[in-house]
Amino acid sequence: MTRKSIFPEVHQREFDPRDVYKLRYLDDDTCRDVNNIVRDLEEMWSVSYCCGDQLLAIVCCMEVNCNTVEIWMFLDKAIRGHLRYLYAESDRLLESVNNLYTRIQCIVRTDWKAANRFVQRFGFEREGTLRCFGLNKEDYFIYSRIRVKKEG
């Protein structure tokens, strides 16, 4: 299933597990992390974003429990030319997910400043630090975005 985006040059398509190996990773650590979890991606809701034949991003959501979903995003270097698209699609996706779940959470390496700013831009609040959490014992921040019920 392909969905047209508001940016005509970019489209969304169904995730194919082989997509993980098509990404040109931003850094070696991300590459190792993705390759170690690729076997789990088929158990999640996942979608790929492309520009022509170029894969830009893979977004995955995994239900943690009936109230919580964890969201992951893997980016190709080519995303740099499509950041407006990424912001718009991320905002749309987060609103949809937040309508279904009370809590969305994500983890980000503490040394990845751009990614930390990115999640904060979408209303995620840092909850704490996961010490030695990464495969190479890197520290990660855990963020959450909580849907507040409107009284009325």
Protein backbone atom coordinates (compact mmCIF):
# COMPACT_ATOMS: atom_id res chain seq x y z
CA MET A 1 0.00 0.00 0.00
CA THR A 2 1.42 3.35 -1.02
CA ARG A 3 0.20 6.62 0.46
CA LYS A 4 0.88 9.95 -1.23
CA SER A 5 2.54 12.51 0.97
CA ILE A 6 2.01 16.25 1.04
CA PHE A 7 5.45 16.45 -0.59
CA PRO A 8 4.96 14.99 -4.08
CA GLU A 9 8.53 13.80 -4.49
CA VAL A 10 8.33 11.61 -1.37
CA HIS A 11 6.08 8.61 -0.86
CA GLN A 12 5.33 6.08 1.85
CA ARG A 13 5.32 2.36 1.17
CA GLU A 14 4.92 -0.87 3.07
CA PHE A 15 8.01 -1.88 5.01
CA ASP A 16 10.20 -4.63 3.59
CA PRO A 17 12.72 -6.12 6.10
CA ARG A 18 15.42 -5.88 3.41
CA ASP A 19 15.01 -2.08 3.56
CA VAL A 20 17.20 -2.01 6.67
CA TYR A 21 20.18 -3.05 4.59
CA LYS A 22 19.53 -0.33 1.99
CA LEU A 23 19.95 2.54 4.45
CA ARG A 24 23.19 4.48 4.31
CA TYR A 25 23.55 5.06 8.03
CA LEU A 26 24.50 8.32 9.62
CA ASP A 27 27.05 6.58 11.84
CA ASP A 28 28.48 3.13 12.53
CA ASP A 29 26.77 2.78 15.92
CA THR A 30 23.34 3.22 14.36
CA CYS A 31 24.23 0.61 11.74
CA ARG A 32 25.15 -1.92 14.45
CA ASP A 33 22.02 -1.15 16.46
CA VAL A 34 19.71 -1.61 13.46
CA ASN A 35 21.34 -4.81 12.31
CA ASN A 36 20.94 -6.27 15.80
CA ILE A 37 17.21 -5.57 15.94
CA VAL A 38 16.25 -6.26 12.30
CA ARG A 39 14.80 -9.62 13.30
CA ASP A 40 12.30 -7.80 15.53
CA LEU A 41 11.09 -5.31 12.92
CA GLU A 42 8.61 -7.77 11.41
CA GLU A 43 6.86 -7.93 14.81
CA MET A 44 6.22 -4.16 14.75
CA TRP A 45 4.16 -1.77 12.70
CA SER A 46 6.73 -0.41 10.25
CA VAL A 47 6.68 1.86 7.22
CA SER A 48 9.34 3.03 4.76
CA TYR A 49 9.61 6.52 3.25
CA CYS A 50 11.24 6.91 -0.16
CA CYS A 51 12.07 9.53 -2.75
CA GLY A 52 11.99 7.71 -6.05
CA ASP A 53 14.06 4.58 -5.47
CA GLN A 54 16.06 6.18 -2.62
CA LEU A 55 15.05 4.96 0.83
CA LEU A 56 14.93 7.92 3.25
CA ALA A 57 13.65 6.52 6.52
CA ILE A 58 12.08 3.57 8.29
CA VAL A 59 9.67 4.27 11.15
CA CYS A 60 8.62 1.50 13.53
CA CYS A 61 6.17 1.35 16.41
CA MET A 62 6.21 -1.49 18.93
CA GLU A 63 3.49 -1.92 21.53
CA VAL A 64 5.00 -2.22 25.00
CA ASN A 65 1.63 -2.64 26.73
CA CYS A 66 -1.97 -1.56 26.13
CA ASN A 67 -1.14 2.08 27.02
CA THR A 68 2.41 2.43 25.69
CA VAL A 69 4.11 2.29 22.32
CA GLU A 70 7.81 2.71 21.60
CA ILE A 71 8.67 4.50 18.38
CA TRP A 72 11.92 4.05 16.45
CA MET A 73 13.16 5.94 13.44
CA PHE A 74 16.08 4.95 11.24
CA LEU A 75 17.30 7.56 8.77
CA ASP A 76 19.36 7.48 5.61
CA LYS A 77 21.87 10.24 4.89
CA ALA A 78 19.60 11.39 2.06
CA ILE A 79 16.99 12.57 4.59
CA ARG A 80 18.96 15.79 4.98
CA GLY A 81 17.38 17.05 1.79
CA HIS A 82 13.88 16.22 3.02
CA LEU A 83 13.73 17.48 6.61
CA ARG A 84 10.52 19.47 6.08
CA TYR A 85 8.88 16.26 4.94
CA LEU A 86 10.26 14.35 7.92
CA TYR A 87 8.90 16.95 10.35
CA ALA A 88 5.44 16.96 8.72
CA GLU A 89 5.14 13.17 8.54
CA SER A 90 6.50 12.71 12.07
CA ASP A 91 3.97 15.16 13.43
CA ARG A 92 1.11 13.42 11.62
CA LEU A 93 2.28 9.98 12.77
CA LEU A 94 2.70 11.03 16.41
CA GLU A 95 -0.79 12.52 16.53
CA SER A 96 -2.24 9.28 15.15
CA VAL A 97 -0.32 7.12 17.60
CA ASN A 98 -1.16 9.40 20.54
CA ASN A 99 -4.86 8.94 19.74
CA LEU A 100 -4.43 5.20 20.30
CA TYR A 101 -1.95 5.12 23.18
CA THR A 102 -1.56 7.22 26.30
CA ARG A 103 2.24 7.05 26.22
CA ILE A 104 4.74 7.15 23.36
CA GLN A 105 8.34 6.58 24.33
CA CYS A 106 11.68 6.59 22.56
CA ILE A 107 15.34 6.32 23.43
CA VAL A 108 18.14 8.45 22.00
CA ARG A 109 21.90 8.24 22.51
CA THR A 110 22.99 10.99 24.89
CA ASP A 111 25.73 12.17 22.51
CA TRP A 112 23.40 12.59 19.50
CA LYS A 113 22.44 16.24 19.95
CA ALA A 114 20.40 16.60 16.73
CA ALA A 115 18.25 13.58 17.55
CA ASN A 116 17.67 14.83 21.09
CA ARG A 117 16.50 18.21 19.73
CA PHE A 118 14.32 16.42 17.17
CA VAL A 119 12.32 14.43 19.74
CA GLN A 120 11.96 17.45 22.02
CA ARG A 121 10.54 19.42 19.07
CA PHE A 122 7.60 17.00 19.08
CA GLY A 123 6.76 17.37 22.75
CA PHE A 124 8.80 14.49 24.14
CA GLU A 125 10.13 15.10 27.63
CA ARG A 126 13.30 13.52 28.92
CA GLU A 127 12.58 11.18 31.82
CA GLY A 128 16.00 9.87 32.64
CA THR A 129 19.26 8.31 31.56
CA LEU A 130 19.77 4.66 30.74
CA ARG A 131 23.38 4.07 31.77
CA CYS A 132 25.46 1.67 29.63
CA PHE A 133 22.27 0.78 27.70
CA GLY A 134 23.73 0.60 24.18
CA LEU A 135 25.45 -2.35 22.60
CA ASN A 136 28.77 -0.60 23.15
CA LYS A 137 27.76 0.51 26.66
CA GLU A 138 26.69 3.98 25.51
CA ASP A 139 24.29 6.00 27.63
CA TYR A 140 20.82 6.78 26.26
CA PHE A 141 18.12 9.21 27.30
CA ILE A 142 14.57 7.91 27.57
CA TYR A 143 11.86 10.31 26.41
CA SER A 144 8.09 10.15 26.62
CA ARG A 145 5.12 11.98 25.22
CA ILE A 146 1.99 11.55 27.34
CA ARG A 147 -1.52 12.18 26.04
CA VAL A 148 -3.37 14.20 28.63
CA LYS A 149 -7.09 13.51 28.79
CA LYS A 150 -9.15 16.60 28.29
CA GLU A 151 -11.75 17.12 30.96
CA GLY A 152 -15.11 18.24 29.86
